[in-house]
Structures are given as structure tokens and as C-alpha cells.
């Protein structure tokens, strides 16, 4: 092959090497949720490339093997084609050197040029681009990269299978996807380290720490003892309801069976003062809405979900026997989650 076609082929191999490197780092760095959002919305081409990138992330082990195979082939081809061509082009330029020194000097210079271009153009530049714009790189390279892996899939499957077998022999369990979820403990460690390094100011650090701590805390700490909760008998008149609302400064109150104390065993439901004012002729029993129940061991996020699903503002906290012993309201729960 003459020098000019060899140089052109070397440029193609260099670009190909860079694309495989960028695809490899984009697969690892791209956020799955951002790709899924792009796959759900946007234009037709955006959806197509995003879906291809998501599928690639689900076959991470195979796709990374494809990237490594592509890099290896391009690197070998670059050394076999571009380096001899450059060496041949450089020999006439080194006419001032002794004839015996021209070939080795041309070889060293050609090797240095190819190595420099391979590292900068074929490795470092595409890697930096993929790390800076991971989702854009993953979507831009998804279709051609998956096309390459589809062509060489049988070879990749064989190589990947052998690799996984070797890993299992030494006690390592291979995985096909990156772990993206974080436990509350891991998140707390990240927040603490970010605060220590000055990446978060004090207020942000404290807010995130309190919010993370609330994820594992139960409603027992926040509940109001049921004996202290505003309550009216089921047959009370509207005047009694208004007087209780004025004393408690609250809009909601428990409705108890007539003649019973708020022990928790006889809670009929929850009454909103607005309903009593709009329909004064009806009794609290008739106006009461059911109150969802939860155990004292229910976590704060789960309690929020229970109240939201029931479209309720107040809930009853029960003991191990299912008997209500406290009241919890949605505002208190959300305020704890948001650390306000």
C-alpha cells in the first residue's frame, strides 16, 4: 500500500479508536434516568438514540467488551498501517543523517508521532468529551456502536463468557448493569464528605442530613397522643364544634362515639370544621371521613404515602394490637421530610 492511502486509512483508524473510547466512557458515565427521560420525550431521532443507549446500558458487560475489541483492532491497525507509512515519508527528509541512521531515526520519529496522536486524539480527547457530555455522547454513538456489537456479537459473547467463567473461579460475580441506586447510609456519607470538603454550605448540609435521617425514622416520634387531640362526640351540635375549633385553632378534629373519652378505641373518623359550618344541621358522625391507620413502626415516607393515597390530612397511629394511640398529620410529616 502506498503512503497516501495508508495515511488516510490511519486517520480513519484513529477516529474509530476515539469513537470506541468515547462510547466506552459514555456507557459508564451516562445517567440512566436522563436517557430514559429522553427516550420518553423529544423528537423521533432523540427517542431512537436514547432507547438504543438505554438498551446498551442493560448489556453493559457485552457493550464494554465490544468497545475494548474495537479499540484493540483500531490500535493494532494504526500501528501496522500508519507507522510504516510515516516512516517511509520521513526517510527522504532525513537526508542529512548518515544512511545507516535514517531508518532507525525515521522509525523512532514515526512511532512518536503515531503514539502522540493515538494518546491525544484517539484516547484522551474522546474520553474527556464523553465524561463532560455523557448523555450526549451515549446517544450520539449508540446506533453505530450497537451496530458494530451486533456484527461481532457471537465473538463478544464467547469472549465475555470466558471472562465471566474466570471471574467466577476467583469468587467474583459478574454484573451486566451498573448499580445506580444508593442506600440512605451511602447518601449520608456522600453528604458528610461533601460538607467536609466545602462543596456544600452549612445550611444545605444540615438540611440534607435532616432529610436523610427522616427516611428511617418512624411516626411514633412525631405523633400527637390521641388523648391530647381535639375531639368531639359523634352527636355534638355545630356550636360545640365551633367552640372546640376556636380553642384548638385547628380545622380538623377526631369524632368519637357518644359518651366516650378519646382513648383511641372509639374513633369514628375525622371532621373538618368547614363541613360543620356548611351543613350545621348534620352531626359530626354524618360528616366524618375515615382516618387511615398505620402502625407506630411506619416510617415517615411510608406514612406520607398512606395519607396521600387515602386523600387524608390526618391519620391514626396504632399500637401492636391495632388500637389507635396517636394522631399524625400530613403537614408535620412533609415538614419533617423537607427539614423545615
Protein backbone atom coordinates (compact mmCIF):
# COMPACT_ATOMS: atom_id res chain seq x y z
CA UNK A 1 0.00 0.00 0.00
CA UNK A 2 1.35 3.42 -0.96
CA UNK A 3 1.95 6.09 1.66
CA UNK A 4 -1.07 8.34 0.98
CA UNK A 5 -3.78 5.63 1.20
CA UNK A 6 -2.02 4.26 4.26
CA UNK A 7 -2.10 7.68 5.94
CA UNK A 8 -5.81 8.09 5.10
CA UNK A 9 -6.57 4.64 6.47
CA UNK A 10 -4.57 5.54 9.59
CA UNK A 11 -6.72 8.64 10.10
CA UNK A 12 -9.87 6.51 9.81
CA UNK A 13 -8.49 4.04 12.36
CA UNK A 14 -7.54 6.90 14.68
CA UNK A 15 -11.05 8.35 14.52
CA UNK A 16 -12.53 4.89 15.03
CA UNK A 17 -10.35 4.35 18.09
CA UNK A 18 -11.59 7.64 19.53
CA UNK A 19 -15.23 6.72 18.93
CA UNK A 20 -14.84 3.38 20.69
CA UNK A 21 -13.13 5.07 23.64
CA UNK A 22 -15.88 7.71 23.83
CA UNK A 23 -18.59 5.04 23.64
CA UNK A 24 -16.98 3.10 26.47
CA UNK A 25 -16.78 6.06 28.84
CA UNK A 26 -20.22 7.35 27.83
CA UNK A 27 -21.80 4.00 28.71
CA UNK A 28 -20.29 4.13 32.19
CA UNK A 29 -20.89 7.84 32.86
CA UNK A 30 -24.35 8.44 31.37
CA UNK A 31 -27.21 8.70 33.88
CA UNK A 32 -29.87 6.09 33.19
CA UNK A 33 -32.77 8.32 34.29
CA UNK A 34 -31.72 11.10 31.90
CA UNK A 35 -31.57 8.68 28.98
CA UNK A 36 -34.97 7.26 29.92
CA UNK A 37 -36.41 10.78 30.07
CA UNK A 38 -35.03 11.48 26.60
CA UNK A 39 -36.46 8.17 25.35
CA UNK A 40 -39.90 9.14 26.69
CA UNK A 41 -39.96 12.61 25.15
CA UNK A 42 -38.37 14.66 22.42
CA UNK A 43 -38.16 14.12 18.69
CA UNK A 44 -38.20 10.85 16.83
CA UNK A 45 -34.42 10.67 16.39
CA UNK A 46 -33.84 11.58 20.04
CA UNK A 47 -36.16 8.81 21.19
CA UNK A 48 -34.46 6.31 18.89
CA UNK A 49 -30.92 7.10 20.03
CA UNK A 50 -31.89 7.35 23.69
CA UNK A 51 -33.61 3.96 23.61
CA UNK A 52 -30.54 2.45 21.96
CA UNK A 53 -28.36 3.95 24.69
CA UNK A 54 -30.64 2.57 27.42
CA UNK A 55 -30.51 -0.90 25.86
CA UNK A 56 -26.74 -0.62 25.73
CA UNK A 57 -26.65 0.17 29.44
CA UNK A 58 -28.64 -3.01 30.13
CA UNK A 59 -25.97 -5.05 28.31
CA UNK A 60 -23.05 -3.20 29.82
CA UNK A 61 -20.66 -6.14 30.04
CA UNK A 62 -21.18 -7.07 26.38
CA UNK A 63 -21.01 -3.46 25.20
CA UNK A 64 -17.79 -2.77 27.08
CA UNK A 65 -16.31 -5.90 25.54
CA UNK A 66 -17.28 -4.52 22.14
CA UNK A 67 -15.60 -1.20 22.93
CA UNK A 68 -12.43 -2.96 24.04
CA UNK A 69 -12.40 -5.12 20.91
CA UNK A 70 -12.85 -2.05 18.71
CA UNK A 71 -10.06 -0.16 20.49
CA UNK A 72 -7.74 -3.15 20.17
CA UNK A 73 -8.42 -3.62 16.45
CA UNK A 74 -8.01 0.09 15.68
CA UNK A 75 -4.79 0.32 17.72
CA UNK A 76 -3.28 -2.71 16.01
CA UNK A 77 -4.32 -1.45 12.60
CA UNK A 78 -2.90 2.01 13.33
CA UNK A 79 0.44 0.51 14.25
CA UNK A 80 0.52 -1.73 11.19
CA UNK A 81 -0.55 0.90 8.64
CA UNK A 82 0.21 4.45 9.79
CA UNK A 83 3.57 3.87 11.40
CA UNK A 84 5.30 2.29 8.33
CA UNK A 85 3.75 4.94 6.06
CA UNK A 86 5.09 7.78 8.21
CA UNK A 87 8.46 6.10 8.43
CA UNK A 88 8.61 5.84 4.65
CA UNK A 89 7.65 9.52 4.25
CA UNK A 90 10.25 10.67 6.76
CA UNK A 91 13.25 8.86 5.29
CA UNK A 92 13.84 11.36 2.42
CA UNK A 93 13.56 14.26 4.88
CA UNK A 94 16.43 12.89 6.96
CA UNK A 95 18.97 13.06 4.13
CA UNK A 96 21.43 14.96 6.29
CA UNK A 97 21.83 11.97 8.55
CA UNK A 98 24.13 9.06 7.75
CA UNK A 99 22.38 6.45 5.64
CA UNK A 100 22.65 3.84 8.37
CA UNK A 101 20.85 6.15 10.84
CA UNK A 102 17.97 7.19 8.59
CA UNK A 103 15.82 4.11 9.05
CA UNK A 104 16.05 3.89 12.86
CA UNK A 105 15.55 7.66 13.28
CA UNK A 106 12.59 7.63 10.90
CA UNK A 107 11.16 4.66 12.83
CA UNK A 108 11.52 6.41 16.20
CA UNK A 109 10.01 9.68 14.93
CA UNK A 110 7.12 7.85 13.23
CA UNK A 111 6.48 5.83 16.39
CA UNK A 112 6.49 9.01 18.50
CA UNK A 113 4.04 10.78 16.15
CA UNK A 114 1.65 7.82 15.99
CA UNK A 115 1.82 7.32 19.76
CA UNK A 116 1.17 11.00 20.42
CA UNK A 117 -1.83 11.10 18.06
CA UNK A 118 -3.16 7.84 19.45
CA UNK A 119 -2.99 9.06 23.05
CA UNK A 120 -4.32 12.60 22.45
CA UNK A 121 -6.74 12.22 19.54
CA UNK A 122 -7.62 8.57 19.96
CA UNK A 123 -7.78 8.30 23.75
CA UNK A 124 -7.66 11.43 25.93
CA UNK A 125 -9.77 13.85 23.85
CA UNK A 126 -12.72 11.45 23.27
CA UNK A 127 -12.56 10.32 26.90
CA UNK A 128 -12.79 13.92 28.13
CA UNK A 129 -15.66 14.64 25.76
CA UNK A 130 -17.60 11.58 26.92
CA UNK A 131 -17.08 12.45 30.58
CA UNK A 132 -18.13 16.06 30.02
CA UNK A 133 -21.26 15.26 28.00
CA UNK A 134 -22.03 11.62 28.89
CA UNK A 135 -25.68 11.51 27.82
CA UNK A 136 -24.99 13.38 24.58
CA UNK A 137 -22.08 11.06 23.79
CA UNK A 138 -24.05 7.93 24.66
CA UNK A 139 -26.96 8.94 22.43
CA UNK A 140 -24.75 10.14 19.58
CA UNK A 141 -22.75 6.91 19.45
CA UNK A 142 -25.48 4.45 20.43
CA UNK A 143 -26.66 3.43 16.96
CA UNK A 144 -23.29 2.90 15.20
CA UNK A 145 -21.80 1.31 18.31
CA UNK A 146 -24.69 -1.13 18.74
CA UNK A 147 -24.44 -1.88 15.02
CA UNK A 148 -20.79 -2.88 15.48
CA UNK A 149 -21.56 -5.03 18.51
CA UNK A 150 -24.41 -6.71 16.61
CA UNK A 151 -21.99 -7.74 13.85
CA UNK A 152 -19.41 -9.16 16.27
CA UNK A 153 -21.89 -10.35 18.92
CA UNK A 154 -21.01 -14.08 18.60
CA UNK A 155 -17.34 -13.31 19.20
CA UNK A 156 -18.15 -10.94 22.06
CA UNK A 157 -20.47 -13.49 23.67
CA UNK A 158 -17.72 -16.12 23.57
CA UNK A 159 -15.09 -13.76 24.99
CA UNK A 160 -17.48 -12.45 27.63
CA UNK A 161 -18.46 -15.96 28.65
CA UNK A 162 -14.82 -16.98 29.09
CA UNK A 163 -14.13 -13.82 31.10
CA UNK A 164 -17.11 -14.41 33.39
CA UNK A 165 -16.04 -18.01 33.93
CA UNK A 166 -12.58 -16.86 35.02
CA UNK A 167 -14.13 -14.30 37.39
CA UNK A 168 -16.39 -16.91 38.97
CA UNK A 169 -13.39 -19.14 39.58
CA UNK A 170 -11.87 -16.44 41.79
CA UNK A 171 -15.15 -15.70 43.58
CA UNK A 172 -16.26 -12.60 41.64
CA UNK A 173 -19.88 -12.40 40.48
CA UNK A 174 -20.08 -10.62 37.09
CA UNK A 175 -22.73 -7.94 36.55
CA UNK A 176 -24.30 -6.62 33.37
CA UNK A 177 -25.51 -3.26 34.76
CA UNK A 178 -24.05 -0.53 36.90
CA UNK A 179 -25.52 -0.09 40.36
CA UNK A 180 -27.12 3.34 40.33
CA UNK A 181 -29.24 3.19 43.47
CA UNK A 182 -27.84 4.47 46.76
CA UNK A 183 -28.85 3.47 50.25
CA UNK A 184 -29.65 6.18 52.81
CA UNK A 185 -26.38 5.32 54.56
CA UNK A 186 -24.40 5.81 51.35
CA UNK A 187 -26.16 9.11 50.66
CA UNK A 188 -25.46 10.27 54.21
CA UNK A 189 -21.77 9.50 53.73
CA UNK A 190 -21.74 11.44 50.44
CA UNK A 191 -23.40 14.43 52.08
CA UNK A 192 -20.99 14.32 55.03
CA UNK A 193 -17.96 14.13 52.74
CA UNK A 194 -19.29 16.94 50.53
CA UNK A 195 -19.78 19.12 53.60
CA UNK A 196 -16.30 18.34 54.88
CA UNK A 197 -14.74 19.28 51.53
CA UNK A 198 -16.70 22.55 51.37
CA UNK A 199 -18.85 21.54 48.39
CA UNK A 200 -22.00 22.25 50.45
CA UNK A 201 -22.57 25.23 52.67
CA UNK A 202 -23.66 24.69 56.27
CA UNK A 203 -27.38 25.24 55.71
CA UNK A 204 -27.50 22.85 52.73
CA UNK A 205 -25.53 20.22 54.63
CA UNK A 206 -27.84 20.41 57.66
CA UNK A 207 -30.99 20.32 55.53
CA UNK A 208 -29.87 17.24 53.58
CA UNK A 209 -28.69 15.50 56.74
CA UNK A 210 -32.04 16.01 58.47
CA UNK A 211 -33.96 14.91 55.39
CA UNK A 212 -31.91 11.72 55.07
CA UNK A 213 -32.29 10.97 58.75
CA UNK A 214 -36.07 11.26 58.42
CA UNK A 215 -36.11 8.44 55.85
CA UNK A 216 -35.57 5.80 58.54
CA UNK A 217 -37.45 7.43 61.44
CA UNK A 218 -40.91 6.28 62.46
CA UNK A 219 -44.10 8.23 63.05
CA UNK A 220 -44.06 7.38 66.76
CA UNK A 221 -41.72 10.29 67.41
CA UNK A 222 -43.98 12.81 65.66
CA UNK A 223 -47.45 11.63 66.63
CA UNK A 224 -49.71 13.58 68.98
CA UNK A 225 -51.07 11.37 71.80
CA UNK A 226 -54.67 10.65 70.97
CA UNK A 227 -55.84 11.88 74.38
CA UNK A 228 -54.42 15.34 73.52
CA UNK A 229 -56.01 15.53 70.08
CA UNK A 230 -59.08 17.79 69.59
CA UNK A 231 -62.18 15.57 69.58
CA UNK A 232 -65.95 15.94 69.60
CA UNK A 233 -68.70 13.41 70.27
CA UNK A 234 -70.39 11.92 67.23
CA UNK A 235 -73.70 13.59 68.11
CA UNK A 236 -72.37 17.06 69.04
CA UNK A 237 -74.10 20.15 67.67
CA UNK A 238 -72.45 22.76 65.47
CA UNK A 239 -71.92 25.14 68.41
CA UNK A 240 -69.78 22.57 70.20
CA UNK A 241 -67.75 22.06 67.05
CA UNK A 242 -67.16 25.80 66.60
CA UNK A 243 -66.14 26.25 70.24
CA UNK A 244 -63.66 23.39 70.03
CA UNK A 245 -62.25 24.75 66.78
CA UNK A 246 -61.76 28.18 68.39
CA UNK A 247 -59.99 26.67 71.41
CA UNK A 248 -57.73 24.36 69.41
CA UNK A 249 -57.10 26.72 66.47
CA UNK A 250 -57.36 23.68 64.23
CA UNK A 251 -59.51 22.85 61.23
CA UNK A 252 -59.75 19.10 61.83
CA UNK A 253 -60.79 17.08 64.86
CA UNK A 254 -61.50 13.49 65.76
CA UNK A 255 -65.07 12.29 66.02
CA UNK A 256 -65.70 9.94 68.95
CA UNK A 257 -68.58 7.67 69.74
CA UNK A 258 -71.08 9.46 72.00
CA UNK A 259 -70.20 9.39 75.69
CA UNK A 260 -66.66 8.07 75.11
CA UNK A 261 -63.30 9.56 76.02
CA UNK A 262 -60.63 9.89 73.31
CA UNK A 263 -58.98 6.61 74.27
CA UNK A 264 -58.50 5.63 70.66
CA UNK A 265 -60.88 2.67 70.77
CA UNK A 266 -63.91 4.60 69.60
CA UNK A 267 -62.70 6.96 66.87
CA UNK A 268 -65.43 7.28 64.25
CA UNK A 269 -63.43 9.43 61.86
CA UNK A 270 -62.15 12.94 61.20
CA UNK A 271 -64.29 16.07 60.92
CA UNK A 272 -63.33 19.21 59.02
CA UNK A 273 -64.72 22.41 60.60
CA UNK A 274 -65.65 23.71 57.16
CA UNK A 275 -68.10 20.84 56.66
CA UNK A 276 -69.76 21.55 60.02
CA UNK A 277 -70.18 25.23 59.12
CA UNK A 278 -71.61 24.47 55.70
CA UNK A 279 -74.04 21.84 56.98
CA UNK A 280 -74.79 22.73 60.63
CA UNK A 281 -77.89 20.53 60.67
CA UNK A 282 -75.82 17.36 60.24
CA UNK A 283 -74.00 15.64 63.11
CA UNK A 284 -70.23 15.07 63.22
CA UNK A 285 -70.88 11.34 62.72
CA UNK A 286 -72.57 12.08 59.41
CA UNK A 287 -69.87 14.48 58.29
CA UNK A 288 -66.84 12.46 59.44
CA UNK A 289 -64.47 10.92 56.91
CA UNK A 290 -62.45 7.75 57.58
CA UNK A 291 -58.97 8.18 59.02
CA UNK A 292 -56.27 5.87 57.62
CA UNK A 293 -54.42 3.81 60.18
CA UNK A 294 -50.76 2.92 60.43
CA UNK A 295 -48.57 1.21 62.99
CA UNK A 296 -46.17 3.12 65.19
CA UNK A 297 -43.29 1.46 63.29
CA UNK A 298 -44.33 3.05 59.98
CA UNK A 299 -41.55 5.21 58.53
CA UNK A 300 -42.19 8.85 57.75
CA UNK A 301 -42.05 8.44 53.93
CA UNK A 302 -44.43 5.46 54.10
CA UNK A 303 -46.82 7.44 56.31
CA UNK A 304 -46.89 10.26 53.75
CA UNK A 305 -47.74 7.73 51.04
CA UNK A 306 -50.55 6.21 53.15
CA UNK A 307 -52.15 9.61 53.79
CA UNK A 308 -51.78 10.71 50.17
CA UNK A 309 -53.32 7.50 48.85
CA UNK A 310 -56.28 7.97 51.21
CA UNK A 311 -56.57 11.70 50.35
CA UNK A 312 -56.46 12.35 54.09
CA UNK A 313 -54.79 15.03 56.18
CA UNK A 314 -54.93 13.15 59.50
CA UNK A 315 -54.07 9.55 60.26
CA UNK A 316 -54.28 7.32 63.32
CA UNK A 317 -51.17 5.67 64.72
CA UNK A 318 -51.90 2.26 66.24
CA UNK A 319 -50.11 0.05 68.75
CA UNK A 320 -49.20 -3.60 68.29
CA UNK A 321 -52.83 -4.58 68.91
CA UNK A 322 -54.18 -2.23 66.24
CA UNK A 323 -55.62 0.20 68.80
CA UNK A 324 -55.13 3.91 67.92
CA UNK A 325 -52.79 5.65 70.34
CA UNK A 326 -51.84 8.78 68.44
CA UNK A 327 -52.65 11.17 65.62
CA UNK A 328 -50.33 12.25 62.83
CA UNK A 329 -50.97 14.95 60.24
CA UNK A 330 -49.60 15.28 56.74
CA UNK A 331 -48.19 18.77 57.29
CA UNK A 332 -45.96 17.56 60.11
CA UNK A 333 -44.73 14.61 58.06
CA UNK A 334 -43.91 16.66 54.98
CA UNK A 335 -42.23 19.31 57.10
CA UNK A 336 -40.01 16.62 58.63
CA UNK A 337 -39.12 15.19 55.23
CA UNK A 338 -38.26 18.62 53.87
CA UNK A 339 -36.46 19.52 57.11
CA UNK A 340 -38.38 22.74 57.52
